[in-house]
Amino acid sequence: KANKNDSKSFEDCIVDGDCFENDIERIFFVLAITCYHVLRLRFKTISPNEINSLSYRPWLRHLMWESVLVYIIWDCIPILEKRGYHNFAVCLLELILLGTEGLGCGDDV
């Protein structure tokens, strides 16, 4: 089991195979990784017209599929923090709050 004071990397979780307490937490981890990559790609490829349409009607933002990905990622963050995967949680937060990944986050997520 992970020490609560240690921050694990993404590779540690995959290699250990025993970083989560049950299969539901493992599924959330895979879901967070998948949503991270899809949302990161979306942020890189979104057109200026789409950004403008979102700014003209901000009350509809929660209906966009990108928002759904953000909600899923947001729900996965507490599980990652409880299991000691703070680095990955920070990468997810940077993506959903800033729209970019941080220096420690990249294609290896």
PDB file of N, CA and C in Angstrom:
ATOM      1  N   LYS A   1       0.833  -1.193   0.000  1.00  0.00           N
ATOM      2  CA  LYS A   1       0.000   0.000   0.000  1.00  0.00           C
ATOM      3  C   LYS A   1       0.865   1.240   0.000  1.00  0.00           C
ATOM      4  N   ALA A   2       0.351   2.302  -0.528  1.00  0.00           N
ATOM      5  CA  ALA A   2       1.091   3.558  -0.604  1.00  0.00           C
ATOM      6  C   ALA A   2       1.035   4.289   0.722  1.00  0.00           C
ATOM      7  N   ASN A   3       2.153   4.882   1.080  1.00  0.00           N
ATOM      8  CA  ASN A   3       2.199   5.741   2.242  1.00  0.00           C
ATOM      9  C   ASN A   3       1.492   7.031   1.881  1.00  0.00           C
ATOM     10  N   LYS A   4       0.655   7.538   2.782  1.00  0.00           N
ATOM     11  CA  LYS A   4      -0.117   8.731   2.457  1.00  0.00           C
ATOM     12  C   LYS A   4       0.761   9.946   2.231  1.00  0.00           C
ATOM     13  N   ASN A   5       1.983   9.947   2.736  1.00  0.00           N
ATOM     14  CA  ASN A   5       2.863  11.090   2.571  1.00  0.00           C
ATOM     15  C   ASN A   5       3.656  11.022   1.265  1.00  0.00           C
ATOM     16  N   ASP A   6       3.668   9.899   0.618  1.00  0.00           N
ATOM     17  CA  ASP A   6       4.406   9.747  -0.631  1.00  0.00           C
ATOM     18  C   ASP A   6       3.494  10.086  -1.800  1.00  0.00           C
ATOM     19  N   SER A   7       4.087  10.693  -2.806  1.00  0.00           N
ATOM     20  CA  SER A   7       3.348  10.972  -4.028  1.00  0.00           C
ATOM     21  C   SER A   7       3.816   9.995  -5.084  1.00  0.00           C
ATOM     22  N   LYS A   8       2.895   9.204  -5.594  1.00  0.00           N
ATOM     23  CA  LYS A   8       3.242   8.201  -6.586  1.00  0.00           C
ATOM     24  C   LYS A   8       3.138   8.783  -7.986  1.00  0.00           C
ATOM     25  N   SER A   9       3.904   8.218  -8.868  1.00  0.00           N
ATOM     26  CA  SER A   9       3.809   8.616 -10.270  1.00  0.00           C
ATOM     27  C   SER A   9       2.813   7.694 -10.962  1.00  0.00           C
ATOM     28  N   PHE A  10       2.509   8.031 -12.215  1.00  0.00           N
ATOM     29  CA  PHE A  10       1.557   7.225 -12.974  1.00  0.00           C
ATOM     30  C   PHE A  10       2.110   5.828 -13.210  1.00  0.00           C
ATOM     31  N   GLU A  11       3.416   5.751 -13.472  1.00  0.00           N
ATOM     32  CA  GLU A  11       4.048   4.468 -13.744  1.00  0.00           C
ATOM     33  C   GLU A  11       3.996   3.553 -12.519  1.00  0.00           C
ATOM     34  N   ASP A  12       4.140   4.139 -11.320  1.00  0.00           N
ATOM     35  CA  ASP A  12       4.085   3.337 -10.094  1.00  0.00           C
ATOM     36  C   ASP A  12       2.755   2.620  -9.976  1.00  0.00           C
ATOM     37  N   CYS A  13       1.689   3.313 -10.304  1.00  0.00           N
ATOM     38  CA  CYS A  13       0.369   2.702 -10.196  1.00  0.00           C
ATOM     39  C   CYS A  13       0.220   1.547 -11.166  1.00  0.00           C
ATOM     40  N   ILE A  14       0.663   1.746 -12.383  1.00  0.00           N
ATOM     41  CA  ILE A  14       0.514   0.714 -13.397  1.00  0.00           C
ATOM     42  C   ILE A  14       1.410  -0.481 -13.085  1.00  0.00           C
ATOM     43  N   VAL A  15       2.624  -0.229 -12.614  1.00  0.00           N
ATOM     44  CA  VAL A  15       3.565  -1.306 -12.321  1.00  0.00           C
ATOM     45  C   VAL A  15       3.164  -2.060 -11.064  1.00  0.00           C
ATOM     46  N   ASP A  16       2.784  -1.336 -10.007  1.00  0.00           N
ATOM     47  CA  ASP A  16       2.417  -1.977  -8.747  1.00  0.00           C
ATOM     48  C   ASP A  16       1.222  -2.902  -8.914  1.00  0.00           C
ATOM     49  N   GLY A  17       0.226  -2.422  -9.608  1.00  0.00           N
ATOM     50  CA  GLY A  17      -0.972  -3.220  -9.788  1.00  0.00           C
ATOM     51  C   GLY A  17      -1.833  -3.293  -8.551  1.00  0.00           C
ATOM     52  N   ASP A  18      -1.411  -2.697  -7.446  1.00  0.00           N
ATOM     53  CA  ASP A  18      -2.167  -2.759  -6.203  1.00  0.00           C
ATOM     54  C   ASP A  18      -2.224  -1.385  -5.549  1.00  0.00           C
ATOM     55  N   CYS A  19      -2.444  -0.368  -6.352  1.00  0.00           N
ATOM     56  CA  CYS A  19      -2.435   0.987  -5.821  1.00  0.00           C
ATOM     57  C   CYS A  19      -3.814   1.434  -5.360  1.00  0.00           C
ATOM     58  N   PHE A  20      -4.845   0.766  -5.778  1.00  0.00           N
ATOM     59  CA  PHE A  20      -6.199   1.133  -5.399  1.00  0.00           C
ATOM     60  C   PHE A  20      -6.818   0.016  -4.576  1.00  0.00           C
ATOM     61  N   GLU A  21      -7.850   0.358  -3.843  1.00  0.00           N
ATOM     62  CA  GLU A  21      -8.457  -0.612  -2.935  1.00  0.00           C
ATOM     63  C   GLU A  21      -9.429  -1.557  -3.624  1.00  0.00           C
ATOM     64  N   ASN A  22      -9.991  -1.146  -4.751  1.00  0.00           N
ATOM     65  CA  ASN A  22     -10.952  -2.012  -5.428  1.00  0.00           C
ATOM     66  C   ASN A  22     -10.977  -1.697  -6.924  1.00  0.00           C
ATOM     67  N   ASP A  23     -11.739  -2.486  -7.645  1.00  0.00           N
ATOM     68  CA  ASP A  23     -11.800  -2.332  -9.100  1.00  0.00           C
ATOM     69  C   ASP A  23     -12.485  -1.038  -9.529  1.00  0.00           C
ATOM     70  N   ILE A  24     -13.410  -0.545  -8.729  1.00  0.00           N
ATOM     71  CA  ILE A  24     -14.086   0.708  -9.068  1.00  0.00           C
ATOM     72  C   ILE A  24     -13.070   1.850  -9.122  1.00  0.00           C
ATOM     73  N   GLU A  25     -12.156   1.889  -8.156  1.00  0.00           N
ATOM     74  CA  GLU A  25     -11.127   2.931  -8.161  1.00  0.00           C
ATOM     75  C   GLU A  25     -10.202   2.777  -9.359  1.00  0.00           C
ATOM     76  N   ARG A  26      -9.910   1.557  -9.740  1.00  0.00           N
ATOM     77  CA  ARG A  26      -9.090   1.330 -10.929  1.00  0.00           C
ATOM     78  C   ARG A  26      -9.804   1.821 -12.190  1.00  0.00           C
ATOM     79  N   ILE A  27     -11.097   1.576 -12.271  1.00  0.00           N
ATOM     80  CA  ILE A  27     -11.879   2.026 -13.414  1.00  0.00           C
ATOM     81  C   ILE A  27     -11.887   3.553 -13.479  1.00  0.00           C
ATOM     82  N   PHE A  28     -12.049   4.201 -12.322  1.00  0.00           N
ATOM     83  CA  PHE A  28     -12.003   5.666 -12.291  1.00  0.00           C
ATOM     84  C   PHE A  28     -10.649   6.178 -12.764  1.00  0.00           C
ATOM     85  N   PHE A  29      -9.575   5.482 -12.398  1.00  0.00           N
ATOM     86  CA  PHE A  29      -8.235   5.895 -12.817  1.00  0.00           C
ATOM     87  C   PHE A  29      -8.101   5.817 -14.339  1.00  0.00           C
ATOM     88  N   VAL A  30      -8.547   4.726 -14.928  1.00  0.00           N
ATOM     89  CA  VAL A  30      -8.495   4.572 -16.391  1.00  0.00           C
ATOM     90  C   VAL A  30      -9.396   5.607 -17.062  1.00  0.00           C
ATOM     91  N   LEU A  31     -10.553   5.837 -16.485  1.00  0.00           N
ATOM     92  CA  LEU A  31     -11.464   6.843 -17.026  1.00  0.00           C
ATOM     93  C   LEU A  31     -10.836   8.236 -16.970  1.00  0.00           C
ATOM     94  N   ALA A  32     -10.144   8.555 -15.887  1.00  0.00           N
ATOM     95  CA  ALA A  32      -9.480   9.855 -15.767  1.00  0.00           C
ATOM     96  C   ALA A  32      -8.385  10.007 -16.818  1.00  0.00           C
ATOM     97  N   ILE A  33      -7.616   8.952 -17.045  1.00  0.00           N
ATOM     98  CA  ILE A  33      -6.562   9.008 -18.069  1.00  0.00           C
ATOM     99  C   ILE A  33      -7.167   9.225 -19.451  1.00  0.00           C
ATOM    100  N   THR A  34      -8.219   8.493 -19.751  1.00  0.00           N
ATOM    101  CA  THR A  34      -8.871   8.613 -21.054  1.00  0.00           C
ATOM    102  C   THR A  34      -9.441  10.014 -21.253  1.00  0.00           C
ATOM    103  N   CYS A  35     -10.156  10.514 -20.261  1.00  0.00           N
ATOM    104  CA  CYS A  35     -10.739  11.853 -20.355  1.00  0.00           C
ATOM    105  C   CYS A  35      -9.648  12.918 -20.462  1.00  0.00           C
ATOM    106  N   TYR A  36      -8.533  12.714 -19.756  1.00  0.00           N
ATOM    107  CA  TYR A  36      -7.410  13.644 -19.806  1.00  0.00           C
ATOM    108  C   TYR A  36      -6.900  13.786 -21.242  1.00  0.00           C
ATOM    109  N   HIS A  37      -6.673  12.665 -21.905  1.00  0.00           N
ATOM    110  CA  HIS A  37      -6.135  12.705 -23.263  1.00  0.00           C
ATOM    111  C   HIS A  37      -7.127  13.291 -24.266  1.00  0.00           C
ATOM    112  N   VAL A  38      -8.390  12.933 -24.136  1.00  0.00           N
ATOM    113  CA  VAL A  38      -9.402  13.458 -25.055  1.00  0.00           C
ATOM    114  C   VAL A  38      -9.553  14.964 -24.866  1.00  0.00           C
ATOM    115  N   LEU A  39      -9.608  15.413 -23.622  1.00  0.00           N
ATOM    116  CA  LEU A  39      -9.781  16.833 -23.357  1.00  0.00           C
ATOM    117  C   LEU A  39      -8.549  17.637 -23.754  1.00  0.00           C
ATOM    118  N   ARG A  40      -7.381  17.076 -23.529  1.00  0.00           N
ATOM    119  CA  ARG A  40      -6.140  17.748 -23.919  1.00  0.00           C
ATOM    120  C   ARG A  40      -6.086  17.917 -25.440  1.00  0.00           C
ATOM    121  N   LEU A  41      -6.459  16.881 -26.169  1.00  0.00           N
ATOM    122  CA  LEU A  41      -6.503  16.968 -27.623  1.00  0.00           C
ATOM    123  C   LEU A  41      -7.548  17.989 -28.077  1.00  0.00           C
ATOM    124  N   ARG A  42      -8.668  18.007 -27.418  1.00  0.00           N
ATOM    125  CA  ARG A  42      -9.724  18.965 -27.766  1.00  0.00           C
ATOM    126  C   ARG A  42      -9.254  20.402 -27.566  1.00  0.00           C
ATOM    127  N   PHE A  43      -8.561  20.665 -26.453  1.00  0.00           N
ATOM    128  CA  PHE A  43      -8.062  22.010 -26.195  1.00  0.00           C
ATOM    129  C   PHE A  43      -7.036  22.443 -27.244  1.00  0.00           C
ATOM    130  N   LYS A  44      -6.302  21.487 -27.779  1.00  0.00           N
ATOM    131  CA  LYS A  44      -5.313  21.817 -28.802  1.00  0.00           C
ATOM    132  C   LYS A  44      -5.946  22.065 -30.161  1.00  0.00           C
ATOM    133  N   THR A  45      -7.121  21.483 -30.408  1.00  0.00           N
ATOM    134  CA  THR A  45      -7.714  21.542 -31.746  1.00  0.00           C
ATOM    135  C   THR A  45      -8.980  22.383 -31.842  1.00  0.00           C
ATOM    136  N   ILE A  46      -9.422  22.983 -30.758  1.00  0.00           N
ATOM    137  CA  ILE A  46     -10.667  23.759 -30.812  1.00  0.00           C
ATOM    138  C   ILE A  46     -10.471  24.998 -31.680  1.00  0.00           C
ATOM    139  N   SER A  47     -11.479  25.307 -32.469  1.00  0.00           N
ATOM    140  CA  SER A  47     -11.381  26.446 -33.383  1.00  0.00           C
ATOM    141  C   SER A  47     -11.795  27.734 -32.670  1.00  0.00           C
ATOM    142  N   PRO A  48     -11.306  28.862 -33.135  1.00  0.00           N
ATOM    143  CA  PRO A  48     -11.707  30.149 -32.543  1.00  0.00           C
ATOM    144  C   PRO A  48     -13.215  30.402 -32.628  1.00  0.00           C
ATOM    145  N   ASN A  49     -13.855  29.904 -33.675  1.00  0.00           N
ATOM    146  CA  ASN A  49     -15.315  30.075 -33.802  1.00  0.00           C
ATOM    147  C   ASN A  49     -16.051  29.369 -32.675  1.00  0.00           C
ATOM    148  N   GLU A  50     -15.589  28.192 -32.325  1.00  0.00           N
ATOM    149  CA  GLU A  50     -16.230  27.460 -31.236  1.00  0.00           C
ATOM    150  C   GLU A  50     -16.018  28.150 -29.897  1.00  0.00           C
ATOM    151  N   ILE A  51     -14.844  28.703 -29.695  1.00  0.00           N
ATOM    152  CA  ILE A  51     -14.571  29.440 -28.467  1.00  0.00           C
ATOM    153  C   ILE A  51     -15.475  30.662 -28.384  1.00  0.00           C
ATOM    154  N   ASN A  52     -15.627  31.362 -29.502  1.00  0.00           N
ATOM    155  CA  ASN A  52     -16.499  32.540 -29.520  1.00  0.00           C
ATOM    156  C   ASN A  52     -17.952  32.171 -29.241  1.00  0.00           C
ATOM    157  N   SER A  53     -18.417  31.069 -29.804  1.00  0.00           N
ATOM    158  CA  SER A  53     -19.810  30.671 -29.574  1.00  0.00           C
ATOM    159  C   SER A  53     -20.041  30.318 -28.106  1.00  0.00           C
ATOM    160  N   LEU A  54     -19.034  29.752 -27.457  1.00  0.00           N
ATOM    161  CA  LEU A  54     -19.152  29.465 -26.031  1.00  0.00           C
ATOM    162  C   LEU A  54     -19.208  30.744 -25.204  1.00  0.00           C
ATOM    163  N   SER A  55     -18.436  31.733 -25.599  1.00  0.00           N
ATOM    164  CA  SER A  55     -18.424  32.978 -24.835  1.00  0.00           C
ATOM    165  C   SER A  55     -19.705  33.789 -25.043  1.00  0.00           C
ATOM    166  N   TYR A  56     -20.362  33.615 -26.184  1.00  0.00           N
ATOM    167  CA  TYR A  56     -21.604  34.336 -26.433  1.00  0.00           C
ATOM    168  C   TYR A  56     -22.779  33.739 -25.661  1.00  0.00           C
ATOM    169  N   ARG A  57     -22.719  32.447 -25.395  1.00  0.00           N
ATOM    170  CA  ARG A  57     -23.806  31.783 -24.658  1.00  0.00           C
ATOM    171  C   ARG A  57     -23.227  30.958 -23.504  1.00  0.00           C
ATOM    172  N   PRO A  58     -22.710  31.615 -22.476  1.00  0.00           N
ATOM    173  CA  PRO A  58     -22.049  30.878 -21.388  1.00  0.00           C
ATOM    174  C   PRO A  58     -22.995  29.986 -20.587  1.00  0.00           C
ATOM    175  N   TRP A  59     -24.278  30.257 -20.602  1.00  0.00           N
ATOM    176  CA  TRP A  59     -25.221  29.445 -19.848  1.00  0.00           C
ATOM    177  C   TRP A  59     -25.386  28.047 -20.442  1.00  0.00           C
ATOM    178  N   LEU A  60     -24.897  27.834 -21.658  1.00  0.00           N
ATOM    179  CA  LEU A  60     -24.995  26.519 -22.282  1.00  0.00           C
ATOM    180  C   LEU A  60     -23.707  25.695 -22.152  1.00  0.00           C
ATOM    181  N   ARG A  61     -22.694  26.254 -21.510  1.00  0.00           N
ATOM    182  CA  ARG A  61     -21.411  25.551 -21.431  1.00  0.00           C
ATOM    183  C   ARG A  61     -21.520  24.196 -20.745  1.00  0.00           C
ATOM    184  N   HIS A  62     -22.363  24.085 -19.735  1.00  0.00           N
ATOM    185  CA  HIS A  62     -22.459  22.812 -19.017  1.00  0.00           C
ATOM    186  C   HIS A  62     -23.097  21.707 -19.853  1.00  0.00           C
ATOM    187  N   LEU A  63     -23.655  22.035 -20.990  1.00  0.00           N
ATOM    188  CA  LEU A  63     -24.249  21.033 -21.870  1.00  0.00           C
ATOM    189  C   LEU A  63     -23.270  20.501 -22.914  1.00  0.00           C
ATOM    190  N   MET A  64     -22.114  21.121 -23.032  1.00  0.00           N
ATOM    191  CA  MET A  64     -21.119  20.704 -24.013  1.00  0.00           C
ATOM    192  C   MET A  64     -20.438  19.410 -23.549  1.00  0.00           C
ATOM    193  N   TRP A  65     -19.997  18.588 -24.486  1.00  0.00           N
ATOM    194  CA  TRP A  65     -19.375  17.320 -24.115  1.00  0.00           C
ATOM    195  C   TRP A  65     -18.036  17.533 -23.415  1.00  0.00           C
ATOM    196  N   GLU A  66     -17.371  18.649 -23.702  1.00  0.00           N
ATOM    197  CA  GLU A  66     -16.119  18.953 -23.012  1.00  0.00           C
ATOM    198  C   GLU A  66     -16.361  19.160 -21.527  1.00  0.00           C
ATOM    199  N   SER A  67     -17.479  19.788 -21.198  1.00  0.00           N
ATOM    200  CA  SER A  67     -17.825  20.004 -19.795  1.00  0.00           C
ATOM    201  C   SER A  67     -18.084  18.689 -19.078  1.00  0.00           C
ATOM    202  N   VAL A  68     -18.690  17.755 -19.771  1.00  0.00           N
ATOM    203  CA  VAL A  68     -18.936  16.444 -19.179  1.00  0.00           C
ATOM    204  C   VAL A  68     -17.611  15.762 -18.845  1.00  0.00           C
ATOM    205  N   LEU A  69     -16.626  15.872 -19.736  1.00  0.00           N
ATOM    206  CA  LEU A  69     -15.303  15.311 -19.448  1.00  0.00           C
ATOM    207  C   LEU A  69     -14.685  15.968 -18.221  1.00  0.00           C
ATOM    208  N   VAL A  70     -14.843  17.272 -18.109  1.00  0.00           N
ATOM    209  CA  VAL A  70     -14.305  17.986 -16.951  1.00  0.00           C
ATOM    210  C   VAL A  70     -14.981  17.505 -15.674  1.00  0.00           C
ATOM    211  N   TYR A  71     -16.288  17.303 -15.705  1.00  0.00           N
ATOM    212  CA  TYR A  71     -16.999  16.809 -14.521  1.00  0.00           C
ATOM    213  C   TYR A  71     -16.510  15.421 -14.128  1.00  0.00           C
ATOM    214  N   ILE A  72     -16.272  14.574 -15.100  1.00  0.00           N
ATOM    215  CA  ILE A  72     -15.761  13.226 -14.810  1.00  0.00           C
ATOM    216  C   ILE A  72     -14.383  13.305 -14.177  1.00  0.00           C
ATOM    217  N   ILE A  73     -13.511  14.127 -14.763  1.00  0.00           N
ATOM    218  CA  ILE A  73     -12.167  14.290 -14.206  1.00  0.00           C
ATOM    219  C   ILE A  73     -12.247  14.836 -12.788  1.00  0.00           C
ATOM    220  N   TRP A  74     -13.097  15.815 -12.568  1.00  0.00           N
ATOM    221  CA  TRP A  74     -13.247  16.432 -11.248  1.00  0.00           C
ATOM    222  C   TRP A  74     -13.662  15.385 -10.212  1.00  0.00           C
ATOM    223  N   ASP A  75     -14.526  14.472 -10.583  1.00  0.00           N
ATOM    224  CA  ASP A  75     -14.973  13.427  -9.658  1.00  0.00           C
ATOM    225  C   ASP A  75     -13.884  12.398  -9.371  1.00  0.00           C
ATOM    226  N   CYS A  76     -12.912  12.247 -10.260  1.00  0.00           N
ATOM    227  CA  CYS A  76     -11.824  11.280 -10.055  1.00  0.00           C
ATOM    228  C   CYS A  76     -10.713  11.827  -9.168  1.00  0.00           C
ATOM    229  N   ILE A  77     -10.582  13.116  -9.067  1.00  0.00           N
ATOM    230  CA  ILE A  77      -9.465  13.724  -8.341  1.00  0.00           C
ATOM    231  C   ILE A  77      -9.413  13.326  -6.869  1.00  0.00           C
ATOM    232  N   PRO A  78     -10.514  13.319  -6.116  1.00  0.00           N
ATOM    233  CA  PRO A  78     -10.409  12.917  -4.703  1.00  0.00           C
ATOM    234  C   PRO A  78      -9.889  11.492  -4.507  1.00  0.00           C
ATOM    235  N   ILE A  79     -10.241  10.590  -5.408  1.00  0.00           N
ATOM    236  CA  ILE A  79      -9.757   9.209  -5.303  1.00  0.00           C
ATOM    237  C   ILE A  79      -8.253   9.172  -5.514  1.00  0.00           C
ATOM    238  N   LEU A  80      -7.785   9.902  -6.510  1.00  0.00           N
ATOM    239  CA  LEU A  80      -6.344   9.940  -6.770  1.00  0.00           C
ATOM    240  C   LEU A  80      -5.588  10.546  -5.593  1.00  0.00           C
ATOM    241  N   GLU A  81      -6.129  11.591  -4.999  1.00  0.00           N
ATOM    242  CA  GLU A  81      -5.472  12.216  -3.852  1.00  0.00           C
ATOM    243  C   GLU A  81      -5.432  11.283  -2.654  1.00  0.00           C
ATOM    244  N   LYS A  82      -6.514  10.551  -2.421  1.00  0.00           N
ATOM    245  CA  LYS A  82      -6.552   9.615  -1.281  1.00  0.00           C
ATOM    246  C   LYS A  82      -5.529   8.498  -1.427  1.00  0.00           C
ATOM    247  N   ARG A  83      -5.268   8.091  -2.657  1.00  0.00           N
ATOM    248  CA  ARG A  83      -4.336   6.985  -2.896  1.00  0.00           C
ATOM    249  C   ARG A  83      -2.907   7.456  -3.106  1.00  0.00           C
ATOM    250  N   GLY A  84      -2.666   8.752  -3.015  1.00  0.00           N
ATOM    251  CA  GLY A  84      -1.309   9.269  -3.070  1.00  0.00           C
ATOM    252  C   GLY A  84      -0.803   9.657  -4.447  1.00  0.00           C
ATOM    253  N   TYR A  85      -1.671   9.758  -5.421  1.00  0.00           N
ATOM    254  CA  TYR A  85      -1.269  10.118  -6.774  1.00  0.00           C
ATOM    255  C   TYR A  85      -1.452  11.619  -6.991  1.00  0.00           C
ATOM    256  N   HIS A  86      -0.741  12.380  -6.193  1.00  0.00           N
ATOM    257  CA  HIS A  86      -0.882  13.827  -6.211  1.00  0.00           C
ATOM    258  C   HIS A  86      -0.397  14.442  -7.515  1.00  0.00           C
ATOM    259  N   ASN A  87       0.662  13.899  -8.077  1.00  0.00           N
ATOM    260  CA  ASN A  87       1.192  14.447  -9.335  1.00  0.00           C
ATOM    261  C   ASN A  87       0.158  14.358 -10.451  1.00  0.00           C
ATOM    262  N   PHE A  88      -0.495  13.218 -10.552  1.00  0.00           N
ATOM    263  CA  PHE A  88      -1.512  13.053 -11.585  1.00  0.00           C
ATOM    264  C   PHE A  88      -2.710  13.955 -11.303  1.00  0.00           C
ATOM    265  N   ALA A  89      -3.104  14.081 -10.035  1.00  0.00           N
ATOM    266  CA  ALA A  89      -4.216  14.959  -9.676  1.00  0.00           C
ATOM    267  C   ALA A  89      -3.908  16.407 -10.063  1.00  0.00           C
ATOM    268  N   VAL A  90      -2.660  16.829  -9.850  1.00  0.00           N
ATOM    269  CA  VAL A  90      -2.263  18.189 -10.226  1.00  0.00           C
ATOM    270  C   VAL A  90      -2.324  18.358 -11.738  1.00  0.00           C
ATOM    271  N   CYS A  91      -1.894  17.356 -12.486  1.00  0.00           N
ATOM    272  CA  CYS A  91      -1.978  17.430 -13.955  1.00  0.00           C
ATOM    273  C   CYS A  91      -3.430  17.586 -14.410  1.00  0.00           C
ATOM    274  N   LEU A  92      -4.311  16.828 -13.801  1.00  0.00           N
ATOM    275  CA  LEU A  92      -5.724  16.924 -14.151  1.00  0.00           C
ATOM    276  C   LEU A  92      -6.283  18.299 -13.810  1.00  0.00           C
ATOM    277  N   LEU A  93      -5.943  18.796 -12.624  1.00  0.00           N
ATOM    278  CA  LEU A  93      -6.433  20.116 -12.224  1.00  0.00           C
ATOM    279  C   LEU A  93      -5.907  21.222 -13.134  1.00  0.00           C
ATOM    280  N   GLU A  94      -4.628  21.126 -13.506  1.00  0.00           N
ATOM    281  CA  GLU A  94      -4.077  22.124 -14.422  1.00  0.00           C
ATOM    282  C   GLU A  94      -4.792  22.100 -15.759  1.00  0.00           C
ATOM    283  N   LEU A  95      -5.130  20.917 -16.216  1.00  0.00           N
ATOM    284  CA  LEU A  95      -5.818  20.815 -17.501  1.00  0.00           C
ATOM    285  C   LEU A  95      -7.211  21.427 -17.431  1.00  0.00           C
ATOM    286  N   ILE A  96      -7.965  21.119 -16.375  1.00  0.00           N
ATOM    287  CA  ILE A  96      -9.336  21.615 -16.343  1.00  0.00           C
ATOM    288  C   ILE A  96      -9.432  23.066 -15.891  1.00  0.00           C
ATOM    289  N   LEU A  97      -8.453  23.543 -15.143  1.00  0.00           N
ATOM    290  CA  LEU A  97      -8.511  24.933 -14.693  1.00  0.00           C
ATOM    291  C   LEU A  97      -7.806  25.900 -15.635  1.00  0.00           C
ATOM    292  N   LEU A  98      -6.698  25.462 -16.227  1.00  0.00           N
ATOM    293  CA  LEU A  98      -5.900  26.342 -17.067  1.00  0.00           C
ATOM    294  C   LEU A  98      -6.011  26.013 -18.556  1.00  0.00           C
ATOM    295  N   GLY A  99      -6.487  24.835 -18.872  1.00  0.00           N
ATOM    296  CA  GLY A  99      -6.594  24.441 -20.268  1.00  0.00           C
ATOM    297  C   GLY A  99      -5.297  23.937 -20.866  1.00  0.00           C
ATOM    298  N   THR A 100      -4.292  23.729 -20.025  1.00  0.00           N
ATOM    299  CA  THR A 100      -3.008  23.209 -20.487  1.00  0.00           C
ATOM    300  C   THR A 100      -2.507  22.194 -19.484  1.00  0.00           C
ATOM    301  N   GLU A 101      -1.547  21.389 -19.922  1.00  0.00           N
ATOM    302  CA  GLU A 101      -0.918  20.488 -18.973  1.00  0.00           C
ATOM    303  C   GLU A 101       0.354  21.137 -18.466  1.00  0.00           C
ATOM    304  N   GLY A 102       0.740  20.791 -17.262  1.00  0.00           N
ATOM    305  CA  GLY A 102       1.927  21.373 -16.658  1.00  0.00           C
ATOM    306  C   GLY A 102       3.206  20.761 -17.199  1.00  0.00           C
ATOM    307  N   LEU A 103       4.313  21.194 -16.661  1.00  0.00           N
ATOM    308  CA  LEU A 103       5.618  20.713 -17.117  1.00  0.00           C
ATOM    309  C   LEU A 103       5.818  19.238 -16.833  1.00  0.00           C
ATOM    310  N   GLY A 104       5.287  18.749 -15.730  1.00  0.00           N
ATOM    311  CA  GLY A 104       5.461  17.352 -15.368  1.00  0.00           C
ATOM    312  C   GLY A 104       4.467  16.429 -16.038  1.00  0.00           C
ATOM    313  N   CYS A 105       3.554  16.974 -16.799  1.00  0.00           N
ATOM    314  CA  CYS A 105       2.529  16.188 -17.456  1.00  0.00           C
ATOM    315  C   CYS A 105       2.836  16.134 -18.947  1.00  0.00           C
ATOM    316  N   GLY A 106       2.617  15.013 -19.514  1.00  0.00           N
ATOM    317  CA  GLY A 106       2.891  14.915 -20.943  1.00  0.00           C
ATOM    318  C   GLY A 106       2.207  13.719 -21.534  1.00  0.00           C
ATOM    319  N   ASP A 107       2.809  13.184 -22.570  1.00  0.00           N
ATOM    320  CA  ASP A 107       2.220  12.045 -23.260  1.00  0.00           C
ATOM    321  C   ASP A 107       2.346  10.755 -22.487  1.00  0.00           C
ATOM    322  N   ASP A 108       3.150  10.746 -21.405  1.00  0.00           N
ATOM    323  CA  ASP A 108       3.320   9.516 -20.634  1.00  0.00           C
ATOM    324  C   ASP A 108       2.193   9.278 -19.649  1.00  0.00           C
ATOM    325  N   VAL A 109       1.204  10.178 -19.602  1.00  0.00           N
ATOM    326  CA  VAL A 109       0.072  10.002 -18.702  1.00  0.00           C
ATOM    327  C   VAL A 109      -0.848   8.967 -19.268  1.00  0.00           C
TER     328      VAL A 109
END
